C-alpha atoms as a PDB file:
ATOM      1  CA  MET A   1       0.000   0.000   0.000  1.00  0.00           C
ATOM      2  CA  LEU A   2       2.707   2.474   0.988  1.00  0.00           C
ATOM      3  CA  ARG A   3       4.912   1.227  -1.854  1.00  0.00           C
ATOM      4  CA  GLN A   4       2.277   2.360  -4.371  1.00  0.00           C
ATOM      5  CA  VAL A   5       2.113   5.810  -2.799  1.00  0.00           C
ATOM      6  CA  ALA A   6       5.920   6.040  -2.835  1.00  0.00           C
ATOM      7  CA  SER A   7       6.103   5.058  -6.488  1.00  0.00           C
ATOM      8  CA  GLY A   8       3.323   7.564  -7.246  1.00  0.00           C
ATOM      9  CA  PHE A   9       5.337  10.358  -5.668  1.00  0.00           C
ATOM     10  CA  GLN A  10       8.453   9.305  -7.583  1.00  0.00           C
ATOM     11  CA  THR A  11       6.521   9.110 -10.842  1.00  0.00           C
ATOM     12  CA  ALA A  12       5.030  12.550 -10.198  1.00  0.00           C
ATOM     13  CA  GLY A  13       8.551  13.826  -9.607  1.00  0.00           C
ATOM     14  CA  TRP A  14       9.723  12.477 -12.956  1.00  0.00           C
ATOM     15  CA  VAL A  15       6.607  13.563 -14.869  1.00  0.00           C
ATOM     16  CA  LEU A  16       6.770  17.105 -13.500  1.00  0.00           C
ATOM     17  CA  GLY A  17      10.553  17.346 -13.375  1.00  0.00           C
ATOM     18  CA  ILE A  18      11.660  16.542 -16.903  1.00  0.00           C
ATOM     19  CA  PRO A  19       9.414  19.030 -18.761  1.00  0.00           C
ATOM     20  CA  SER A  20       9.996  21.749 -16.191  1.00  0.00           C
ATOM     21  CA  LEU A  21      13.780  21.244 -16.411  1.00  0.00           C
ATOM     22  CA  LEU A  22      13.568  21.648 -20.182  1.00  0.00           C
ATOM     23  CA  ALA A  23      11.376  24.739 -19.735  1.00  0.00           C
ATOM     24  CA  VAL A  24      13.815  26.284 -17.259  1.00  0.00           C
ATOM     25  CA  LEU A  25      16.715  25.708 -19.614  1.00  0.00           C
ATOM     26  CA  PHE A  26      14.883  27.035 -22.688  1.00  0.00           C
ATOM     27  CA  PHE A  27      13.055  30.009 -21.211  1.00  0.00           C
ATOM     28  CA  GLY A  28      15.850  30.946 -18.802  1.00  0.00           C
ATOM     29  CA  GLY A  29      18.430  30.786 -21.574  1.00  0.00           C
ATOM     30  CA  SER A  30      16.186  32.768 -23.893  1.00  0.00           C
ATOM     31  CA  ALA A  31      15.591  35.429 -21.233  1.00  0.00           C
ATOM     32  CA  ILE A  32      19.334  35.750 -20.661  1.00  0.00           C
ATOM     33  CA  ALA A  33      19.975  35.931 -24.413  1.00  0.00           C
ATOM     34  CA  LEU A  34      17.290  38.602 -24.826  1.00  0.00           C
ATOM     35  CA  LYS A  35      18.837  40.593 -21.982  1.00  0.00           C
ATOM     36  CA  MET A  36      22.279  40.390 -23.554  1.00  0.00           C
ATOM     37  CA  MET A  37      20.987  41.412 -27.007  1.00  0.00           C
ATOM     38  CA  MET A  38      19.226  44.535 -25.697  1.00  0.00           C
ATOM     39  CA  PRO A  39      20.974  47.549 -27.230  1.00  0.00           C
ATOM     40  CA  PRO A  40      22.103  50.349 -24.930  1.00  0.00           C
ATOM     41  CA  ASP A  41      20.104  53.550 -24.885  1.00  0.00           C
ATOM     42  CA  THR A  42      21.496  56.197 -27.177  1.00  0.00           C
ATOM     43  CA  PRO A  43      20.979  59.827 -26.292  1.00  0.00           C
ATOM     44  CA  LEU A  44      19.135  61.984 -28.745  1.00  0.00           C
ATOM     45  CA  GLY A  45      21.523  64.076 -30.834  1.00  0.00           C
ATOM     46  CA  GLY A  46      21.018  67.729 -31.608  1.00  0.00           C
ATOM     47  CA  HIS A  47      19.551  68.637 -34.959  1.00  0.00           C
ATOM     48  CA  ALA A  48      20.924  71.424 -37.120  1.00  0.00           C
ATOM     49  CA  GLY A  49      17.468  72.129 -38.441  1.00  0.00           C
ATOM     50  CA  PRO A  50      14.441  70.519 -40.002  1.00  0.00           C
ATOM     51  CA  SER A  51      15.446  68.218 -42.826  1.00  0.00           C
ATOM     52  CA  LEU A  52      14.295  64.964 -44.318  1.00  0.00           C
ATOM     53  CA  VAL A  53      17.269  63.054 -42.883  1.00  0.00           C
ATOM     54  CA  ASN A  54      16.500  64.238 -39.328  1.00  0.00           C
ATOM     55  CA  TYR A  55      12.876  63.148 -39.726  1.00  0.00           C
ATOM     56  CA  LEU A  56      13.977  59.719 -40.922  1.00  0.00           C
ATOM     57  CA  VAL A  57      16.397  59.381 -38.007  1.00  0.00           C
ATOM     58  CA  ASP A  58      13.697  60.386 -35.510  1.00  0.00           C
ATOM     59  CA  GLY A  59      11.223  57.943 -37.076  1.00  0.00           C
ATOM     60  CA  ALA A  60      13.778  55.131 -36.880  1.00  0.00           C
ATOM     61  CA  ARG A  61      14.428  55.950 -33.203  1.00  0.00           C
ATOM     62  CA  ILE A  62      10.703  55.825 -32.451  1.00  0.00           C
ATOM     63  CA  LEU A  63      10.423  52.456 -34.202  1.00  0.00           C
ATOM     64  CA  GLY A  64      13.453  51.274 -32.271  1.00  0.00           C
ATOM     65  CA  LYS A  65      11.836  52.314 -28.989  1.00  0.00           C
ATOM     66  CA  ILE A  66       8.597  50.510 -29.898  1.00  0.00           C
ATOM     67  CA  PHE A  67      10.399  47.280 -30.778  1.00  0.00           C
ATOM     68  CA  GLY A  68      12.614  47.653 -27.712  1.00  0.00           C
ATOM     69  CA  PHE A  69       9.486  47.853 -25.563  1.00  0.00           C
ATOM     70  CA  LEU A  70       8.057  44.739 -27.226  1.00  0.00           C
ATOM     71  CA  GLY A  71      11.371  42.959 -26.659  1.00  0.00           C
ATOM     72  CA  ALA A  72      11.314  43.937 -22.991  1.00  0.00           C
ATOM     73  CA  VAL A  73       7.761  42.579 -22.672  1.00  0.00           C
ATOM     74  CA  GLY A  74       8.864  39.303 -24.287  1.00  0.00           C
ATOM     75  CA  GLN A  75      11.878  39.122 -21.989  1.00  0.00           C
ATOM     76  CA  THR A  76       9.657  39.683 -18.948  1.00  0.00           C
ATOM     77  CA  ILE A  77       7.241  36.965 -20.064  1.00  0.00           C
ATOM     78  CA  PHE A  78      10.110  34.514 -20.638  1.00  0.00           C
ATOM     79  CA  THR A  79      11.564  35.347 -17.213  1.00  0.00           C
ATOM     80  CA  ILE A  80       8.202  34.754 -15.497  1.00  0.00           C
ATOM     81  CA  ILE A  81       7.745  31.427 -17.294  1.00  0.00           C
ATOM     82  CA  ALA A  82      11.288  30.384 -16.335  1.00  0.00           C
ATOM     83  CA  CYS A  83      10.630  31.253 -12.660  1.00  0.00           C
ATOM     84  CA  VAL A  84       7.360  29.292 -12.620  1.00  0.00           C
ATOM     85  CA  ALA A  85       9.076  26.331 -14.280  1.00  0.00           C
ATOM     86  CA  LEU A  86      11.828  26.515 -11.652  1.00  0.00           C
ATOM     87  CA  LEU A  87       9.221  26.366  -8.872  1.00  0.00           C
ATOM     88  CA  VAL A  88       7.601  23.348 -10.536  1.00  0.00           C
ATOM     89  CA  LEU A  89      11.048  21.742 -10.838  1.00  0.00           C
ATOM     90  CA  LEU A  90      11.688  22.259  -7.119  1.00  0.00           C
ATOM     91  CA  PHE A  91       8.279  20.746  -6.325  1.00  0.00           C
ATOM     92  CA  ALA A  92       9.119  17.776  -8.570  1.00  0.00           C
ATOM     93  CA  VAL A  93      12.392  17.239  -6.717  1.00  0.00           C
ATOM     94  CA  LEU A  94      10.473  17.388  -3.423  1.00  0.00           C
ATOM     95  CA  CYS A  95       7.982  14.789  -4.698  1.00  0.00           C
ATOM     96  CA  PHE A  96      10.755  12.504  -5.927  1.00  0.00           C
ATOM     97  CA  PHE A  97      12.691  12.580  -2.674  1.00  0.00           C
ATOM     98  CA  THR A  98       9.473  12.223  -0.696  1.00  0.00           C
ATOM     99  CA  GLY A  99       8.817   9.011  -2.599  1.00  0.00           C
ATOM    100  CA  ARG A 100      12.338   7.829  -1.862  1.00  0.00           C
ATOM    101  CA  GLY A 101      11.863   8.659   1.802  1.00  0.00           C
ATOM    102  CA  LEU A 102       8.561   6.761   1.873  1.00  0.00           C
ATOM    103  CA  GLN A 103      10.354   3.705   0.518  1.00  0.00           C
ATOM    104  CA  ASP A 104      12.811   3.971   3.412  1.00  0.00           C
ATOM    105  CA  ASN A 105       9.974   4.547   5.943  1.00  0.00           C
ATOM    106  CA  ALA A 106      11.252   7.991   6.935  1.00  0.00           C
ATOM    107  CA  VAL A 107       8.985   9.986   9.224  1.00  0.00           C
ATOM    108  CA  TRP A 108       9.722  13.306   7.508  1.00  0.00           C
ATOM    109  CA  ALA A 109       8.634  11.816   4.168  1.00  0.00           C
ATOM    110  CA  ARG A 110       5.347  10.629   5.638  1.00  0.00           C
ATOM    111  CA  VAL A 111       4.637  14.128   7.017  1.00  0.00           C
ATOM    112  CA  VAL A 112       5.558  15.838   3.739  1.00  0.00           C
ATOM    113  CA  ALA A 113       3.489  13.323   1.756  1.00  0.00           C
ATOM    114  CA  MET A 114       0.491  13.950   4.023  1.00  0.00           C
ATOM    115  CA  LEU A 115       0.843  17.708   3.538  1.00  0.00           C
ATOM    116  CA  ILE A 116       1.147  17.424  -0.241  1.00  0.00           C
ATOM    117  CA  SER A 117      -1.754  14.956  -0.450  1.00  0.00           C
ATOM    118  CA  GLY A 118      -3.928  17.068   1.841  1.00  0.00           C
ATOM    119  CA  VAL A 119      -3.356  20.242  -0.152  1.00  0.00           C
ATOM    120  CA  THR A 120      -3.960  18.384  -3.419  1.00  0.00           C
ATOM    121  CA  LEU A 121      -7.180  16.887  -2.034  1.00  0.00           C
ATOM    122  CA  LEU A 122      -8.355  20.313  -0.863  1.00  0.00           C
ATOM    123  CA  ILE A 123      -7.633  21.958  -4.215  1.00  0.00           C
ATOM    124  CA  SER A 124      -9.283  19.095  -6.097  1.00  0.00           C
ATOM    125  CA  ALA A 125     -12.371  19.174  -3.896  1.00  0.00           C
ATOM    126  CA  LEU A 126     -12.670  22.939  -4.349  1.00  0.00           C
ATOM    127  CA  GLY A 127     -12.272  22.490  -8.099  1.00  0.00           C
ATOM    128  CA  ILE A 128     -14.994  19.853  -8.221  1.00  0.00           C
ATOM    129  CA  LEU A 129     -17.349  21.913  -6.080  1.00  0.00           C
ATOM    130  CA  SER A 130     -16.758  25.150  -7.967  1.00  0.00           C
ATOM    131  CA  THR A 131     -17.386  23.780 -11.462  1.00  0.00           C
ATOM    132  CA  ARG A 132     -20.545  21.742 -10.747  1.00  0.00           C
ATOM    133  CA  ARG A 133     -20.334  20.172 -14.178  1.00  0.00           C
ATOM    134  CA  MET A 134     -18.935  17.003 -15.646  1.00  0.00           C
ATOM    135  CA  PRO A 135     -15.671  18.511 -17.048  1.00  0.00           C
ATOM    136  CA  GLY A 136     -14.665  19.641 -13.561  1.00  0.00           C
ATOM    137  CA  LEU A 137     -15.302  16.168 -12.199  1.00  0.00           C
ATOM    138  CA  ILE A 138     -13.406  14.590 -15.080  1.00  0.00           C
ATOM    139  CA  PHE A 139     -10.408  16.889 -14.573  1.00  0.00           C
ATOM    140  CA  PHE A 140     -10.275  17.138 -10.773  1.00  0.00           C
ATOM    141  CA  GLY A 141     -11.709  13.705  -9.936  1.00  0.00           C
ATOM    142  CA  PRO A 142      -8.542  11.648 -10.539  1.00  0.00           C
ATOM    143  CA  PHE A 143      -6.474  14.090  -8.474  1.00  0.00           C
ATOM    144  CA  ALA A 144      -8.979  13.894  -5.626  1.00  0.00           C
ATOM    145  CA  ALA A 145      -9.072  10.096  -5.806  1.00  0.00           C
ATOM    146  CA  ALA A 146      -5.287   9.731  -5.896  1.00  0.00           C
ATOM    147  CA  SER A 147      -4.685  12.170  -3.056  1.00  0.00           C
ATOM    148  CA  GLY A 148      -7.501  10.608  -1.001  1.00  0.00           C
ATOM    149  CA  TYR A 149      -5.968   7.169  -1.476  1.00  0.00           C
ATOM    150  CA  ALA A 150      -2.519   8.496  -0.543  1.00  0.00           C
ATOM    151  CA  LEU A 151      -3.889  10.073   2.643  1.00  0.00           C
ATOM    152  CA  TRP A 152      -5.751   6.875   3.507  1.00  0.00           C
ATOM    153  CA  ALA A 153      -2.628   4.757   2.958  1.00  0.00           C
ATOM    154  CA  LEU A 154      -0.385   7.152   4.899  1.00  0.00           C
ATOM    155  CA  LEU A 155      -2.740   7.461   7.859  1.00  0.00           C
ATOM    156  CA  LEU A 156      -3.660   3.786   8.204  1.00  0.00           C
ATOM    157  CA  ARG A 157      -0.204   2.240   7.921  1.00  0.00           C
ATOM    158  CA  ARG A 158       1.629   2.802  11.171  1.00  0.00           C
END
């Protein structure tokens, strides 16, 4: 009974960990590359007078500022995605080592597994109750069942 819960935690660690590691590497690397490619701000030069060349230069600067702003927005989005993926990666590592600790009958792993399962059961129950339709039950139901079984197995085996 506890072996199944331990292997479930390890599997969750692998399933969450591998894609989030790839996301951290891709989005983090892209955010760093975007930061390094950002051109420095150039001060506006003085104009000798109104001429067609000065208007073209000013128009190009305005376009440069617009695309620089869009690049900064993209960099911010990539940084946020990389940070979220890093948090998911840390959670995956926690799940994996919790499963390893459950295999070794460690008390800390049982407590952490109960906390994770309890929070997952609470979120799943709230998701089922808030949707009141079949898609919510289909999506949240397996999570509620798995976390309920894990809590039952962790609390009954002494």
